[in-house]
Amino acid sequence: MGYKALESDEGLDMIYFLESKYSNTNEFNFSKIIESMKGELLGNDIDEIDLLYDNTVIALSELYFEFKYYGTLNYKELKHIKNFTVNKEPLQWTHKRFQSTKNNESPIESIKL
């Protein structure tokens, strides 16, 4: 059995963050989530961001693919989400972030969306 980033501390923090930030809407927008996480969930200090970033980015991707596959999110706090939009730029950003993680590089450049 594999390990899911959504089950990590960072993944659970992201779920709680999304619940509080998006409780009044039934739609997620990948770009807006990334932008709001940068300033609020992950902090603004690059050292803070580096510490939390990897699992958080993976957890957000897991959440997106869960929604894409099942058409819903398997978290009672997020069951109200009926649409999860994503466009090319955040997918490219996420891919770049995964590459920098794989290559054990600093996230400084990949933070820019």
N, C-alpha and C. Protein backbone atom coordinates (compact mmCIF):
# COMPACT_ATOMS: atom_id res chain seq x y z
N MET A 1 0.85 -1.17 0.00
CA MET A 1 0.00 0.00 0.00
C MET A 1 0.90 1.24 0.00
N GLY A 2 0.57 2.20 -0.84
CA GLY A 2 1.37 3.41 -0.96
C GLY A 2 0.98 4.47 0.05
N TYR A 3 1.75 5.49 0.06
CA TYR A 3 1.54 6.62 0.95
C TYR A 3 0.98 7.77 0.14
N LYS A 4 -0.09 8.38 0.63
CA LYS A 4 -0.70 9.51 -0.06
C LYS A 4 -0.29 10.81 0.64
N ALA A 5 0.08 11.79 -0.16
CA ALA A 5 0.44 13.09 0.41
C ALA A 5 -0.75 13.72 1.12
N LEU A 6 -1.96 13.42 0.66
CA LEU A 6 -3.16 13.96 1.32
C LEU A 6 -3.29 13.48 2.76
N GLU A 7 -2.64 12.37 3.09
CA GLU A 7 -2.69 11.83 4.45
C GLU A 7 -1.58 12.38 5.34
N SER A 8 -0.67 13.15 4.77
CA SER A 8 0.43 13.74 5.55
C SER A 8 -0.09 14.95 6.33
N ASP A 9 0.72 15.44 7.25
CA ASP A 9 0.35 16.66 7.99
C ASP A 9 0.09 17.82 7.04
N GLU A 10 0.97 17.98 6.03
CA GLU A 10 0.79 19.06 5.07
C GLU A 10 -0.49 18.89 4.27
N GLY A 11 -0.79 17.65 3.88
CA GLY A 11 -2.02 17.37 3.13
C GLY A 11 -3.25 17.68 3.95
N LEU A 12 -3.24 17.27 5.21
CA LEU A 12 -4.39 17.56 6.08
C LEU A 12 -4.51 19.05 6.35
N ASP A 13 -3.38 19.73 6.51
CA ASP A 13 -3.41 21.19 6.66
C ASP A 13 -4.05 21.84 5.43
N MET A 14 -3.72 21.31 4.26
CA MET A 14 -4.28 21.85 3.03
C MET A 14 -5.80 21.63 2.99
N ILE A 15 -6.26 20.45 3.40
CA ILE A 15 -7.70 20.17 3.44
C ILE A 15 -8.40 21.17 4.35
N TYR A 16 -7.86 21.39 5.54
CA TYR A 16 -8.47 22.35 6.48
C TYR A 16 -8.43 23.77 5.91
N PHE A 17 -7.34 24.11 5.26
CA PHE A 17 -7.21 25.42 4.63
C PHE A 17 -8.29 25.60 3.56
N LEU A 18 -8.43 24.60 2.70
CA LEU A 18 -9.43 24.68 1.63
C LEU A 18 -10.84 24.74 2.20
N GLU A 19 -11.08 23.97 3.25
CA GLU A 19 -12.40 23.99 3.89
C GLU A 19 -12.73 25.40 4.38
N SER A 20 -11.78 26.04 5.05
CA SER A 20 -12.06 27.38 5.60
C SER A 20 -12.09 28.44 4.51
N LYS A 21 -11.24 28.33 3.53
CA LYS A 21 -11.14 29.35 2.48
C LYS A 21 -12.25 29.24 1.43
N TYR A 22 -12.73 28.03 1.19
CA TYR A 22 -13.67 27.80 0.10
C TYR A 22 -15.00 27.20 0.57
N SER A 23 -15.39 27.48 1.78
CA SER A 23 -16.64 26.92 2.30
C SER A 23 -17.88 27.54 1.67
N ASN A 24 -17.75 28.73 1.10
CA ASN A 24 -18.91 29.43 0.52
C ASN A 24 -19.00 29.30 -1.00
N THR A 25 -18.26 28.39 -1.57
CA THR A 25 -18.30 28.20 -3.02
C THR A 25 -18.35 26.72 -3.34
N ASN A 26 -18.86 26.38 -4.49
CA ASN A 26 -18.89 24.97 -4.87
C ASN A 26 -17.90 24.67 -6.00
N GLU A 27 -16.93 25.59 -6.19
CA GLU A 27 -15.97 25.42 -7.27
C GLU A 27 -14.55 25.69 -6.78
N PHE A 28 -13.64 24.84 -7.21
CA PHE A 28 -12.22 25.05 -6.99
C PHE A 28 -11.60 25.47 -8.32
N ASN A 29 -10.67 26.39 -8.24
CA ASN A 29 -9.87 26.79 -9.39
C ASN A 29 -8.42 26.56 -8.99
N PHE A 30 -7.75 25.66 -9.69
CA PHE A 30 -6.39 25.26 -9.35
C PHE A 30 -5.46 26.46 -9.20
N SER A 31 -5.52 27.40 -10.14
CA SER A 31 -4.64 28.58 -10.09
C SER A 31 -4.89 29.42 -8.85
N LYS A 32 -6.15 29.65 -8.54
CA LYS A 32 -6.48 30.47 -7.37
C LYS A 32 -6.07 29.78 -6.08
N ILE A 33 -6.21 28.47 -6.04
CA ILE A 33 -5.79 27.73 -4.85
C ILE A 33 -4.28 27.87 -4.65
N ILE A 34 -3.53 27.68 -5.71
CA ILE A 34 -2.07 27.81 -5.61
C ILE A 34 -1.69 29.20 -5.12
N GLU A 35 -2.28 30.22 -5.70
CA GLU A 35 -1.96 31.60 -5.30
C GLU A 35 -2.32 31.85 -3.84
N SER A 36 -3.47 31.39 -3.40
CA SER A 36 -3.87 31.64 -2.01
C SER A 36 -3.01 30.83 -1.05
N MET A 37 -2.56 29.65 -1.45
CA MET A 37 -1.69 28.85 -0.59
C MET A 37 -0.33 29.51 -0.41
N LYS A 38 0.17 30.13 -1.46
CA LYS A 38 1.50 30.75 -1.39
C LYS A 38 1.59 31.78 -0.29
N GLY A 39 0.61 32.63 -0.19
CA GLY A 39 0.67 33.70 0.80
C GLY A 39 0.14 33.32 2.16
N GLU A 40 -0.76 32.34 2.22
CA GLU A 40 -1.42 32.03 3.49
C GLU A 40 -0.98 30.71 4.10
N LEU A 41 -1.16 29.63 3.39
CA LEU A 41 -0.84 28.31 3.94
C LEU A 41 0.65 28.07 4.04
N LEU A 42 1.38 28.47 3.02
CA LEU A 42 2.81 28.16 2.96
C LEU A 42 3.69 29.27 3.50
N GLY A 43 3.14 30.44 3.72
CA GLY A 43 3.94 31.56 4.20
C GLY A 43 4.64 32.26 3.06
N ASN A 44 5.36 33.31 3.39
CA ASN A 44 6.06 34.09 2.38
C ASN A 44 7.57 33.90 2.41
N ASP A 45 8.08 33.37 3.50
CA ASP A 45 9.52 33.14 3.64
C ASP A 45 9.92 31.89 2.86
N ILE A 46 10.91 32.01 1.99
CA ILE A 46 11.29 30.90 1.12
C ILE A 46 11.72 29.68 1.91
N ASP A 47 12.34 29.85 3.07
CA ASP A 47 12.74 28.69 3.87
C ASP A 47 11.52 27.96 4.41
N GLU A 48 10.51 28.71 4.83
CA GLU A 48 9.25 28.11 5.27
C GLU A 48 8.61 27.36 4.13
N ILE A 49 8.55 28.00 2.98
CA ILE A 49 7.91 27.41 1.81
C ILE A 49 8.61 26.12 1.42
N ASP A 50 9.93 26.13 1.41
CA ASP A 50 10.69 24.95 1.01
C ASP A 50 10.36 23.77 1.91
N LEU A 51 10.21 24.01 3.20
CA LEU A 51 9.93 22.95 4.15
C LEU A 51 8.57 22.30 3.89
N LEU A 52 7.56 23.07 3.54
CA LEU A 52 6.20 22.57 3.41
C LEU A 52 5.78 22.24 1.99
N TYR A 53 6.51 22.71 1.02
CA TYR A 53 6.04 22.75 -0.35
C TYR A 53 5.79 21.41 -1.01
N ASP A 54 6.73 20.50 -0.92
CA ASP A 54 6.66 19.26 -1.70
C ASP A 54 5.37 18.49 -1.46
N ASN A 55 5.10 18.13 -0.21
CA ASN A 55 3.89 17.36 0.07
C ASN A 55 2.62 18.14 -0.23
N THR A 56 2.65 19.44 -0.05
CA THR A 56 1.46 20.25 -0.31
C THR A 56 1.12 20.25 -1.79
N VAL A 57 2.12 20.41 -2.64
CA VAL A 57 1.88 20.40 -4.09
C VAL A 57 1.40 19.02 -4.53
N ILE A 58 2.00 17.98 -4.02
CA ILE A 58 1.57 16.63 -4.37
C ILE A 58 0.15 16.39 -3.87
N ALA A 59 -0.16 16.84 -2.66
CA ALA A 59 -1.50 16.65 -2.10
C ALA A 59 -2.55 17.37 -2.94
N LEU A 60 -2.26 18.58 -3.39
CA LEU A 60 -3.20 19.31 -4.23
C LEU A 60 -3.43 18.55 -5.55
N SER A 61 -2.37 18.00 -6.10
CA SER A 61 -2.51 17.22 -7.33
C SER A 61 -3.33 15.96 -7.10
N GLU A 62 -3.10 15.29 -5.97
CA GLU A 62 -3.90 14.11 -5.63
C GLU A 62 -5.38 14.49 -5.53
N LEU A 63 -5.65 15.63 -4.91
CA LEU A 63 -7.02 16.09 -4.76
C LEU A 63 -7.66 16.34 -6.13
N TYR A 64 -6.92 16.99 -7.01
CA TYR A 64 -7.44 17.25 -8.35
C TYR A 64 -7.75 15.95 -9.09
N PHE A 65 -6.82 14.99 -9.06
CA PHE A 65 -7.05 13.75 -9.79
C PHE A 65 -8.14 12.90 -9.13
N GLU A 66 -8.30 13.01 -7.84
CA GLU A 66 -9.41 12.34 -7.18
C GLU A 66 -10.74 12.90 -7.70
N PHE A 67 -10.82 14.22 -7.80
CA PHE A 67 -12.04 14.84 -8.31
C PHE A 67 -12.26 14.46 -9.77
N LYS A 68 -11.20 14.49 -10.54
CA LYS A 68 -11.31 14.16 -11.97
C LYS A 68 -11.79 12.72 -12.16
N TYR A 69 -11.30 11.81 -11.36
CA TYR A 69 -11.63 10.40 -11.50
C TYR A 69 -13.03 10.09 -10.98
N TYR A 70 -13.36 10.60 -9.77
CA TYR A 70 -14.62 10.24 -9.11
C TYR A 70 -15.73 11.28 -9.30
N GLY A 71 -15.38 12.49 -9.68
CA GLY A 71 -16.39 13.54 -9.83
C GLY A 71 -16.81 14.15 -8.51
N THR A 72 -16.12 13.79 -7.45
CA THR A 72 -16.38 14.32 -6.12
C THR A 72 -15.10 14.19 -5.29
N LEU A 73 -15.09 14.82 -4.13
CA LEU A 73 -13.94 14.71 -3.23
C LEU A 73 -14.34 13.87 -2.04
N ASN A 74 -13.47 12.99 -1.63
CA ASN A 74 -13.76 12.04 -0.57
C ASN A 74 -13.44 12.60 0.82
N TYR A 75 -13.78 13.85 1.03
CA TYR A 75 -13.57 14.50 2.32
C TYR A 75 -14.86 15.22 2.65
N LYS A 76 -15.45 14.90 3.80
CA LYS A 76 -16.76 15.48 4.10
C LYS A 76 -16.72 17.00 4.10
N GLU A 77 -15.57 17.58 4.45
CA GLU A 77 -15.43 19.03 4.48
C GLU A 77 -15.47 19.64 3.08
N LEU A 78 -15.24 18.80 2.06
CA LEU A 78 -15.15 19.31 0.68
C LEU A 78 -16.18 18.68 -0.26
N LYS A 79 -17.14 17.97 0.28
CA LYS A 79 -18.16 17.32 -0.55
C LYS A 79 -18.98 18.33 -1.35
N HIS A 80 -19.05 19.57 -0.90
CA HIS A 80 -19.85 20.59 -1.58
C HIS A 80 -19.23 21.06 -2.90
N ILE A 81 -17.99 20.70 -3.16
CA ILE A 81 -17.32 21.12 -4.40
C ILE A 81 -17.87 20.31 -5.57
N LYS A 82 -18.38 21.02 -6.56
CA LYS A 82 -19.00 20.37 -7.72
C LYS A 82 -18.21 20.58 -9.01
N ASN A 83 -17.21 21.46 -8.97
CA ASN A 83 -16.42 21.74 -10.16
C ASN A 83 -14.99 22.06 -9.73
N PHE A 84 -14.03 21.54 -10.48
CA PHE A 84 -12.61 21.76 -10.18
C PHE A 84 -11.94 22.11 -11.51
N THR A 85 -11.70 23.39 -11.72
CA THR A 85 -11.14 23.82 -13.00
C THR A 85 -9.63 23.96 -12.91
N VAL A 86 -9.01 23.68 -14.03
CA VAL A 86 -7.56 23.81 -14.13
C VAL A 86 -7.24 24.17 -15.58
N ASN A 87 -6.23 24.99 -15.76
CA ASN A 87 -5.80 25.31 -17.12
C ASN A 87 -4.32 24.99 -17.27
N LYS A 88 -3.79 25.29 -18.42
CA LYS A 88 -2.44 24.87 -18.79
C LYS A 88 -1.35 25.39 -17.85
N GLU A 89 -1.41 26.66 -17.48
CA GLU A 89 -0.33 27.26 -16.70
C GLU A 89 -0.10 26.58 -15.35
N PRO A 90 -1.17 26.35 -14.55
CA PRO A 90 -0.90 25.69 -13.28
C PRO A 90 -0.43 24.24 -13.44
N LEU A 91 -0.86 23.58 -14.49
CA LEU A 91 -0.36 22.22 -14.72
C LEU A 91 1.12 22.24 -15.07
N GLN A 92 1.53 23.22 -15.87
CA GLN A 92 2.95 23.36 -16.18
C GLN A 92 3.75 23.70 -14.93
N TRP A 93 3.19 24.59 -14.10
CA TRP A 93 3.84 24.96 -12.85
C TRP A 93 4.00 23.74 -11.95
N THR A 94 2.94 22.94 -11.85
CA THR A 94 2.98 21.75 -10.99
C THR A 94 4.01 20.76 -11.52
N HIS A 95 4.04 20.56 -12.81
CA HIS A 95 5.02 19.66 -13.41
C HIS A 95 6.44 20.16 -13.12
N LYS A 96 6.65 21.45 -13.27
CA LYS A 96 7.97 22.04 -12.98
C LYS A 96 8.34 21.82 -11.51
N ARG A 97 7.37 21.97 -10.62
CA ARG A 97 7.62 21.76 -9.19
C ARG A 97 7.96 20.31 -8.91
N PHE A 98 7.25 19.38 -9.54
CA PHE A 98 7.56 17.96 -9.36
C PHE A 98 8.97 17.64 -9.86
N GLN A 99 9.34 18.24 -10.99
CA GLN A 99 10.69 18.03 -11.52
C GLN A 99 11.75 18.55 -10.56
N SER A 100 11.53 19.73 -9.98
CA SER A 100 12.53 20.27 -9.06
C SER A 100 12.61 19.43 -7.79
N THR A 101 11.47 18.88 -7.36
CA THR A 101 11.48 17.98 -6.20
C THR A 101 12.26 16.71 -6.53
N LYS A 102 11.98 16.14 -7.68
CA LYS A 102 12.67 14.92 -8.11
C LYS A 102 14.17 15.14 -8.21
N ASN A 103 14.56 16.31 -8.70
CA ASN A 103 15.98 16.63 -8.88
C ASN A 103 16.61 17.23 -7.64
N ASN A 104 15.83 17.30 -6.55
CA ASN A 104 16.30 17.84 -5.28
C ASN A 104 16.82 19.27 -5.43
N GLU A 105 16.07 20.08 -6.19
CA GLU A 105 16.43 21.47 -6.41
C GLU A 105 15.59 22.37 -5.52
N SER A 106 16.05 23.57 -5.32
CA SER A 106 15.32 24.57 -4.54
C SER A 106 14.04 24.96 -5.27
N PRO A 107 12.95 25.22 -4.51
CA PRO A 107 11.69 25.60 -5.14
C PRO A 107 11.62 27.06 -5.54
N ILE A 108 12.66 27.83 -5.34
CA ILE A 108 12.61 29.28 -5.56
C ILE A 108 12.08 29.62 -6.95
N GLU A 109 12.63 29.01 -7.98
CA GLU A 109 12.18 29.33 -9.34
C GLU A 109 10.82 28.74 -9.64
N SER A 110 10.50 27.58 -9.09
CA SER A 110 9.23 26.94 -9.44
C SER A 110 8.05 27.56 -8.72
N ILE A 111 8.29 28.44 -7.78
CA ILE A 111 7.20 29.09 -7.06
C ILE A 111 6.44 30.05 -7.97
N LYS A 112 7.12 30.63 -8.93
CA LYS A 112 6.48 31.60 -9.82
C LYS A 112 5.53 30.87 -10.75
N LEU A 113 4.26 31.27 -10.71
CA LEU A 113 3.26 30.67 -11.58
C LEU A 113 3.15 31.45 -12.85
